[in-house]
Amino acid sequence: MLRRIACGTVLCALAALGGCGDTVTAPTETPTPITETFEGTLNPAGTNVHSVVAALTGGAITATLTVVGPDATKTIGFSLGTLNPTTNVCTVVFDNPAALPGAVFNATASTAGFYCARVYDNGSVAAAAADGSATAFTYTMTVAHPQ
């Protein structure tokens, strides 16, 4: 009888120790990106800033200038940066001063935070207004980012 108790105790101790070496790792989830579309009118010497909030986590951010009108061969400035929500200032990190439709920025946000996409007149809108071919340009951009 004592032998059975001793064997049972040893088996329970071994079973308990057997679980000590295993490390349980929580599954990591890939954040589901959302895509926002921004449209607007860009006036001569103008700048338009759109805020993007990656509220839950960092991750991939892709900003794409999809449309520039009325003439898709004209360029505008296109930027991606960080936004200070208190002062509403967009600090440019990536800039394309002569962007055509199809221009893309691929970036990685290391943390959740406030980001911005910006378009600005690089002189093309002012030139079109001066020669009478357009009074302003229209644009569409998309920004895909973590939620």
N, C-alpha and C. Protein backbone atom coordinates (compact mmCIF):
# COMPACT_ATOMS: atom_id res chain seq x y z
N MET A 1 0.82 -1.18 0.00
CA MET A 1 0.00 0.00 0.00
C MET A 1 0.86 1.25 0.00
N LEU A 2 1.88 1.27 0.87
CA LEU A 2 2.78 2.42 0.92
C LEU A 2 3.49 2.61 -0.41
N ARG A 3 3.80 1.49 -1.07
CA ARG A 3 4.46 1.55 -2.37
C ARG A 3 3.56 2.24 -3.40
N ARG A 4 2.25 1.95 -3.40
CA ARG A 4 1.31 2.58 -4.33
C ARG A 4 1.21 4.08 -4.08
N ILE A 5 1.18 4.47 -2.83
CA ILE A 5 1.09 5.90 -2.49
C ILE A 5 2.35 6.62 -2.96
N ALA A 6 3.51 6.02 -2.73
CA ALA A 6 4.78 6.62 -3.14
C ALA A 6 4.84 6.75 -4.66
N CYS A 7 4.42 5.71 -5.36
CA CYS A 7 4.42 5.76 -6.84
C CYS A 7 3.45 6.82 -7.34
N GLY A 8 2.30 6.89 -6.72
CA GLY A 8 1.32 7.90 -7.13
C GLY A 8 1.82 9.30 -6.90
N THR A 9 2.52 9.51 -5.79
CA THR A 9 3.08 10.82 -5.47
C THR A 9 4.17 11.19 -6.48
N VAL A 10 5.02 10.25 -6.81
CA VAL A 10 6.10 10.50 -7.79
C VAL A 10 5.49 10.81 -9.16
N LEU A 11 4.48 10.07 -9.58
CA LEU A 11 3.85 10.31 -10.88
C LEU A 11 3.19 11.70 -10.93
N CYS A 12 2.54 12.10 -9.85
CA CYS A 12 1.92 13.43 -9.80
C CYS A 12 2.98 14.52 -9.89
N ALA A 13 4.09 14.33 -9.18
CA ALA A 13 5.18 15.32 -9.21
C ALA A 13 5.78 15.42 -10.60
N LEU A 14 5.99 14.29 -11.26
CA LEU A 14 6.54 14.31 -12.62
C LEU A 14 5.57 14.99 -13.60
N ALA A 15 4.30 14.73 -13.45
CA ALA A 15 3.30 15.35 -14.33
C ALA A 15 3.29 16.86 -14.14
N ALA A 16 3.41 17.30 -12.91
CA ALA A 16 3.42 18.73 -12.62
C ALA A 16 4.67 19.39 -13.18
N LEU A 17 5.82 18.72 -13.04
CA LEU A 17 7.07 19.27 -13.56
C LEU A 17 7.11 19.25 -15.08
N GLY A 18 6.46 18.29 -15.67
CA GLY A 18 6.45 18.19 -17.13
C GLY A 18 5.84 19.42 -17.78
N GLY A 19 4.91 20.06 -17.13
CA GLY A 19 4.28 21.25 -17.70
C GLY A 19 5.08 22.51 -17.49
N CYS A 20 6.10 22.50 -16.66
CA CYS A 20 6.86 23.71 -16.35
C CYS A 20 7.71 24.19 -17.51
N GLY A 21 8.17 23.30 -18.35
CA GLY A 21 9.07 23.69 -19.43
C GLY A 21 8.35 24.28 -20.63
N ASP A 22 7.05 24.12 -20.72
CA ASP A 22 6.31 24.62 -21.88
C ASP A 22 6.02 26.10 -21.72
N THR A 23 6.25 26.83 -22.79
CA THR A 23 5.93 28.26 -22.79
C THR A 23 4.70 28.46 -23.65
N VAL A 24 3.72 29.10 -23.08
CA VAL A 24 2.50 29.39 -23.82
C VAL A 24 2.64 30.77 -24.43
N THR A 25 2.50 30.85 -25.74
CA THR A 25 2.61 32.12 -26.45
C THR A 25 1.23 32.50 -26.97
N ALA A 26 0.83 33.70 -26.63
CA ALA A 26 -0.46 34.19 -27.11
C ALA A 26 -0.37 34.41 -28.61
N PRO A 27 -1.41 34.08 -29.34
CA PRO A 27 -1.37 34.30 -30.79
C PRO A 27 -1.32 35.80 -31.09
N THR A 28 -0.53 36.13 -32.09
CA THR A 28 -0.47 37.54 -32.50
C THR A 28 -1.43 37.74 -33.66
N GLU A 29 -2.18 38.80 -33.56
CA GLU A 29 -3.15 39.09 -34.60
C GLU A 29 -2.60 40.17 -35.52
N THR A 30 -2.80 39.99 -36.81
CA THR A 30 -2.43 41.01 -37.77
C THR A 30 -3.57 42.02 -37.79
N PRO A 31 -3.23 43.31 -37.57
CA PRO A 31 -4.31 44.30 -37.55
C PRO A 31 -5.01 44.37 -38.90
N THR A 32 -6.31 44.49 -38.85
CA THR A 32 -7.10 44.62 -40.07
C THR A 32 -7.02 46.06 -40.55
N PRO A 33 -6.48 46.29 -41.74
CA PRO A 33 -6.39 47.67 -42.22
C PRO A 33 -7.75 48.20 -42.67
N ILE A 34 -7.90 49.51 -42.57
CA ILE A 34 -9.07 50.17 -43.13
C ILE A 34 -8.55 51.14 -44.18
N THR A 35 -9.38 51.43 -45.15
CA THR A 35 -9.00 52.37 -46.21
C THR A 35 -9.94 53.56 -46.17
N GLU A 36 -9.34 54.74 -46.08
CA GLU A 36 -10.11 55.98 -46.11
C GLU A 36 -9.86 56.66 -47.44
N THR A 37 -10.89 57.30 -47.97
CA THR A 37 -10.78 58.05 -49.22
C THR A 37 -11.01 59.52 -48.93
N PHE A 38 -10.10 60.34 -49.43
CA PHE A 38 -10.19 61.79 -49.25
C PHE A 38 -10.26 62.44 -50.62
N GLU A 39 -11.21 63.35 -50.78
CA GLU A 39 -11.36 64.10 -52.03
C GLU A 39 -11.40 65.58 -51.69
N GLY A 40 -10.97 66.39 -52.64
CA GLY A 40 -11.02 67.82 -52.37
C GLY A 40 -10.64 68.65 -53.57
N THR A 41 -10.62 69.95 -53.32
CA THR A 41 -10.24 70.93 -54.33
C THR A 41 -8.99 71.63 -53.83
N LEU A 42 -7.99 71.69 -54.70
CA LEU A 42 -6.73 72.33 -54.37
C LEU A 42 -6.65 73.66 -55.12
N ASN A 43 -6.63 74.75 -54.37
CA ASN A 43 -6.58 76.09 -54.94
C ASN A 43 -5.13 76.53 -55.19
N PRO A 44 -4.93 77.56 -56.02
CA PRO A 44 -3.58 78.07 -56.24
C PRO A 44 -2.92 78.43 -54.91
N ALA A 45 -1.67 78.02 -54.75
CA ALA A 45 -0.87 78.25 -53.54
C ALA A 45 -1.48 77.61 -52.30
N GLY A 46 -2.38 76.66 -52.48
CA GLY A 46 -3.09 76.04 -51.37
C GLY A 46 -2.45 74.75 -50.87
N THR A 47 -2.89 74.36 -49.68
CA THR A 47 -2.49 73.10 -49.05
C THR A 47 -3.71 72.52 -48.36
N ASN A 48 -3.93 71.22 -48.53
CA ASN A 48 -5.01 70.52 -47.84
C ASN A 48 -4.41 69.36 -47.06
N VAL A 49 -4.77 69.27 -45.78
CA VAL A 49 -4.26 68.22 -44.89
C VAL A 49 -5.43 67.37 -44.42
N HIS A 50 -5.23 66.06 -44.46
CA HIS A 50 -6.25 65.11 -44.00
C HIS A 50 -5.63 64.27 -42.89
N SER A 51 -6.34 64.16 -41.76
CA SER A 51 -5.82 63.40 -40.63
C SER A 51 -6.22 61.94 -40.72
N VAL A 52 -5.31 61.10 -40.27
CA VAL A 52 -5.49 59.65 -40.26
C VAL A 52 -5.12 59.17 -38.86
N VAL A 53 -5.99 58.41 -38.24
CA VAL A 53 -5.73 57.95 -36.88
C VAL A 53 -5.59 56.43 -36.89
N ALA A 54 -4.40 55.96 -36.51
CA ALA A 54 -4.19 54.54 -36.28
C ALA A 54 -4.35 54.35 -34.77
N ALA A 55 -5.57 54.15 -34.32
CA ALA A 55 -5.91 54.24 -32.90
C ALA A 55 -5.50 53.03 -32.08
N LEU A 56 -5.51 51.86 -32.66
CA LEU A 56 -5.29 50.66 -31.87
C LEU A 56 -3.86 50.13 -31.91
N THR A 57 -3.21 50.26 -33.04
CA THR A 57 -1.88 49.67 -33.18
C THR A 57 -1.12 50.33 -34.33
N GLY A 58 0.17 50.11 -34.36
CA GLY A 58 0.97 50.53 -35.51
C GLY A 58 0.84 49.50 -36.62
N GLY A 59 1.51 49.75 -37.72
CA GLY A 59 1.47 48.82 -38.84
C GLY A 59 1.66 49.55 -40.15
N ALA A 60 1.35 48.86 -41.22
CA ALA A 60 1.56 49.39 -42.57
C ALA A 60 0.59 50.53 -42.87
N ILE A 61 1.13 51.57 -43.47
CA ILE A 61 0.31 52.69 -43.96
C ILE A 61 0.66 52.88 -45.43
N THR A 62 -0.36 52.89 -46.28
CA THR A 62 -0.15 53.10 -47.70
C THR A 62 -1.04 54.26 -48.15
N ALA A 63 -0.40 55.31 -48.63
CA ALA A 63 -1.12 56.48 -49.14
C ALA A 63 -0.94 56.52 -50.65
N THR A 64 -2.06 56.68 -51.38
CA THR A 64 -2.02 56.68 -52.84
C THR A 64 -2.78 57.88 -53.37
N LEU A 65 -2.13 58.64 -54.23
CA LEU A 65 -2.80 59.73 -54.94
C LEU A 65 -3.44 59.09 -56.16
N THR A 66 -4.77 59.02 -56.19
CA THR A 66 -5.43 58.26 -57.25
C THR A 66 -5.90 59.12 -58.41
N VAL A 67 -6.31 60.37 -58.14
CA VAL A 67 -6.85 61.22 -59.20
C VAL A 67 -6.34 62.64 -59.01
N VAL A 68 -5.95 63.27 -60.11
CA VAL A 68 -5.69 64.70 -60.16
C VAL A 68 -6.42 65.23 -61.39
N GLY A 69 -7.23 66.27 -61.20
CA GLY A 69 -7.98 66.81 -62.34
C GLY A 69 -7.89 68.31 -62.37
N PRO A 70 -8.19 68.94 -63.44
CA PRO A 70 -8.81 68.39 -64.64
C PRO A 70 -7.82 67.76 -65.62
N ASP A 71 -6.52 67.90 -65.39
CA ASP A 71 -5.51 67.38 -66.32
C ASP A 71 -4.59 66.44 -65.55
N ALA A 72 -4.70 65.14 -65.80
CA ALA A 72 -3.93 64.14 -65.06
C ALA A 72 -2.44 64.19 -65.37
N THR A 73 -2.02 65.00 -66.34
CA THR A 73 -0.59 65.11 -66.64
C THR A 73 0.08 66.20 -65.80
N LYS A 74 -0.71 66.95 -65.05
CA LYS A 74 -0.17 68.00 -64.19
C LYS A 74 0.17 67.40 -62.83
N THR A 75 1.22 67.90 -62.22
CA THR A 75 1.65 67.37 -60.93
C THR A 75 1.19 68.28 -59.79
N ILE A 76 1.09 67.67 -58.61
CA ILE A 76 0.86 68.43 -57.37
C ILE A 76 1.80 67.85 -56.31
N GLY A 77 1.99 68.55 -55.21
CA GLY A 77 2.77 68.02 -54.11
C GLY A 77 1.93 67.06 -53.29
N PHE A 78 2.56 66.00 -52.81
CA PHE A 78 1.87 64.93 -52.07
C PHE A 78 2.78 64.48 -50.94
N SER A 79 2.27 64.48 -49.70
CA SER A 79 3.11 64.17 -48.53
C SER A 79 2.38 63.25 -47.56
N LEU A 80 3.18 62.57 -46.75
CA LEU A 80 2.68 61.73 -45.65
C LEU A 80 3.53 62.07 -44.44
N GLY A 81 2.89 62.22 -43.28
CA GLY A 81 3.65 62.59 -42.09
C GLY A 81 2.91 62.27 -40.81
N THR A 82 3.39 62.89 -39.73
CA THR A 82 2.77 62.72 -38.42
C THR A 82 2.01 63.99 -38.08
N LEU A 83 0.91 63.82 -37.37
CA LEU A 83 0.04 64.94 -37.03
C LEU A 83 0.06 65.18 -35.53
N ASN A 84 0.25 66.43 -35.13
CA ASN A 84 0.10 66.82 -33.74
C ASN A 84 -1.35 67.27 -33.59
N PRO A 85 -2.19 66.49 -32.90
CA PRO A 85 -3.61 66.83 -32.83
C PRO A 85 -3.89 68.08 -31.99
N THR A 86 -2.96 68.45 -31.13
CA THR A 86 -3.15 69.64 -30.30
C THR A 86 -2.97 70.92 -31.12
N THR A 87 -1.93 70.95 -31.93
CA THR A 87 -1.64 72.15 -32.73
C THR A 87 -2.15 72.03 -34.16
N ASN A 88 -2.60 70.82 -34.54
CA ASN A 88 -3.06 70.54 -35.89
C ASN A 88 -1.97 70.79 -36.94
N VAL A 89 -0.72 70.45 -36.57
CA VAL A 89 0.41 70.62 -37.46
C VAL A 89 0.83 69.27 -38.02
N CYS A 90 0.95 69.21 -39.34
CA CYS A 90 1.39 68.00 -40.04
C CYS A 90 2.90 68.12 -40.28
N THR A 91 3.68 67.25 -39.65
CA THR A 91 5.12 67.23 -39.86
C THR A 91 5.41 66.21 -40.95
N VAL A 92 5.88 66.69 -42.08
CA VAL A 92 6.09 65.85 -43.25
C VAL A 92 7.27 64.90 -43.03
N VAL A 93 7.04 63.62 -43.32
CA VAL A 93 8.08 62.60 -43.25
C VAL A 93 8.47 62.16 -44.65
N PHE A 94 7.48 61.96 -45.51
CA PHE A 94 7.72 61.59 -46.91
C PHE A 94 7.08 62.65 -47.79
N ASP A 95 7.78 63.05 -48.85
CA ASP A 95 7.25 64.10 -49.72
C ASP A 95 7.60 63.80 -51.17
N ASN A 96 6.61 64.00 -52.02
CA ASN A 96 6.81 63.94 -53.47
C ASN A 96 6.35 65.28 -54.01
N PRO A 97 7.27 66.19 -54.35
CA PRO A 97 6.87 67.53 -54.78
C PRO A 97 6.30 67.59 -56.19
N ALA A 98 6.35 66.50 -56.93
CA ALA A 98 5.81 66.48 -58.30
C ALA A 98 5.08 65.17 -58.54
N ALA A 99 4.02 64.94 -57.76
CA ALA A 99 3.29 63.67 -57.82
C ALA A 99 2.24 63.68 -58.94
N LEU A 100 2.19 62.59 -59.64
CA LEU A 100 1.15 62.32 -60.63
C LEU A 100 0.18 61.30 -60.05
N PRO A 101 -0.99 61.14 -60.64
CA PRO A 101 -1.89 60.08 -60.18
C PRO A 101 -1.15 58.73 -60.19
N GLY A 102 -1.35 57.97 -59.14
CA GLY A 102 -0.66 56.69 -59.00
C GLY A 102 0.53 56.75 -58.06
N ALA A 103 0.91 57.96 -57.61
CA ALA A 103 2.01 58.08 -56.66
C ALA A 103 1.63 57.40 -55.35
N VAL A 104 2.58 56.67 -54.76
CA VAL A 104 2.30 55.87 -53.56
C VAL A 104 3.41 56.08 -52.53
N PHE A 105 3.00 56.15 -51.27
CA PHE A 105 3.92 56.09 -50.14
C PHE A 105 3.59 54.82 -49.37
N ASN A 106 4.60 53.99 -49.12
CA ASN A 106 4.46 52.81 -48.27
C ASN A 106 5.31 53.06 -47.04
N ALA A 107 4.68 53.07 -45.89
CA ALA A 107 5.38 53.35 -44.64
C ALA A 107 4.91 52.37 -43.57
N THR A 108 5.66 52.34 -42.48
CA THR A 108 5.27 51.52 -41.34
C THR A 108 5.23 52.39 -40.10
N ALA A 109 4.08 52.45 -39.48
CA ALA A 109 3.92 53.18 -38.21
C ALA A 109 4.33 52.24 -37.09
N SER A 110 5.28 52.67 -36.26
CA SER A 110 5.76 51.79 -35.19
C SER A 110 4.78 51.71 -34.02
N THR A 111 3.92 52.70 -33.89
CA THR A 111 2.95 52.71 -32.79
C THR A 111 1.63 53.28 -33.27
N ALA A 112 0.64 53.13 -32.44
CA ALA A 112 -0.63 53.81 -32.70
C ALA A 112 -0.37 55.30 -32.63
N GLY A 113 -1.11 56.08 -33.39
CA GLY A 113 -0.88 57.51 -33.34
C GLY A 113 -1.66 58.28 -34.38
N PHE A 114 -1.29 59.53 -34.54
CA PHE A 114 -1.95 60.43 -35.46
C PHE A 114 -1.02 60.68 -36.65
N TYR A 115 -1.55 60.50 -37.84
CA TYR A 115 -0.78 60.66 -39.06
C TYR A 115 -1.55 61.60 -40.00
N CYS A 116 -0.89 62.07 -41.05
CA CYS A 116 -1.55 63.00 -41.97
C CYS A 116 -1.10 62.74 -43.39
N ALA A 117 -2.03 62.98 -44.31
CA ALA A 117 -1.74 62.97 -45.74
C ALA A 117 -2.03 64.38 -46.23
N ARG A 118 -1.15 64.89 -47.08
CA ARG A 118 -1.24 66.30 -47.46
C ARG A 118 -1.04 66.42 -48.97
N VAL A 119 -1.80 67.31 -49.58
CA VAL A 119 -1.56 67.72 -50.97
C VAL A 119 -1.34 69.23 -50.98
N TYR A 120 -0.53 69.69 -51.91
CA TYR A 120 -0.25 71.12 -51.97
C TYR A 120 0.08 71.54 -53.40
N ASP A 121 -0.14 72.81 -53.67
CA ASP A 121 0.18 73.37 -54.99
C ASP A 121 1.69 73.54 -55.09
N ASN A 122 2.27 72.86 -56.05
CA ASN A 122 3.70 72.98 -56.30
C ASN A 122 3.99 74.01 -57.39
N GLY A 123 2.98 74.79 -57.74
CA GLY A 123 3.09 75.78 -58.81
C GLY A 123 2.22 75.45 -60.01
N SER A 124 1.84 74.19 -60.14
CA SER A 124 1.02 73.77 -61.29
C SER A 124 -0.38 74.37 -61.26
N VAL A 125 -0.98 74.43 -60.07
CA VAL A 125 -2.33 74.98 -59.96
C VAL A 125 -2.29 76.48 -60.23
N ALA A 126 -1.31 77.15 -59.67
CA ALA A 126 -1.18 78.59 -59.91
C ALA A 126 -0.92 78.89 -61.38
N ALA A 127 -0.10 78.07 -62.04
CA ALA A 127 0.17 78.26 -63.47
C ALA A 127 -1.09 78.05 -64.30
N ALA A 128 -1.88 77.03 -63.94
CA ALA A 128 -3.13 76.76 -64.67
C ALA A 128 -4.12 77.91 -64.46
N ALA A 129 -4.15 78.47 -63.27
CA ALA A 129 -5.04 79.61 -63.00
C ALA A 129 -4.57 80.83 -63.79
N ALA A 130 -3.27 81.03 -63.89
CA ALA A 130 -2.72 82.18 -64.61
C ALA A 130 -2.98 82.08 -66.11
N ASP A 131 -2.90 80.86 -66.67
CA ASP A 131 -3.12 80.74 -68.12
C ASP A 131 -4.59 80.48 -68.47
N GLY A 132 -5.43 80.38 -67.45
CA GLY A 132 -6.86 80.23 -67.68
C GLY A 132 -7.32 78.82 -67.96
N SER A 133 -6.43 77.82 -67.85
CA SER A 133 -6.84 76.45 -68.15
C SER A 133 -7.61 75.79 -67.00
N ALA A 134 -7.44 76.30 -65.78
CA ALA A 134 -8.18 75.78 -64.62
C ALA A 134 -8.10 76.80 -63.50
N THR A 135 -9.15 76.87 -62.69
CA THR A 135 -9.12 77.77 -61.54
C THR A 135 -8.63 77.03 -60.29
N ALA A 136 -8.74 75.70 -60.30
CA ALA A 136 -8.30 74.86 -59.19
C ALA A 136 -8.17 73.43 -59.71
N PHE A 137 -7.53 72.59 -58.96
CA PHE A 137 -7.42 71.17 -59.30
C PHE A 137 -8.26 70.38 -58.29
N THR A 138 -8.78 69.27 -58.73
CA THR A 138 -9.44 68.33 -57.83
C THR A 138 -8.50 67.14 -57.63
N TYR A 139 -8.70 66.44 -56.52
CA TYR A 139 -7.85 65.27 -56.25
C TYR A 139 -8.65 64.25 -55.45
N THR A 140 -8.17 63.03 -55.52
CA THR A 140 -8.65 61.94 -54.68
C THR A 140 -7.43 61.16 -54.23
N MET A 141 -7.40 60.84 -52.95
CA MET A 141 -6.33 59.98 -52.43
C MET A 141 -6.95 58.95 -51.49
N THR A 142 -6.28 57.82 -51.37
CA THR A 142 -6.70 56.81 -50.41
C THR A 142 -5.55 56.58 -49.43
N VAL A 143 -5.92 56.25 -48.19
CA VAL A 143 -4.93 55.92 -47.17
C VAL A 143 -5.41 54.65 -46.48
N ALA A 144 -4.63 53.59 -46.62
CA ALA A 144 -4.91 52.32 -45.93
C ALA A 144 -4.01 52.28 -44.70
N HIS A 145 -4.60 51.99 -43.54
CA HIS A 145 -3.85 52.01 -42.28
C HIS A 145 -4.49 51.09 -41.27
N PRO A 146 -3.73 50.73 -40.21
CA PRO A 146 -4.34 49.90 -39.16
C PRO A 146 -5.42 50.69 -38.44
N GLN A 147 -6.35 49.98 -37.86
CA GLN A 147 -7.43 50.64 -37.12
C GLN A 147 -6.94 51.21 -35.83
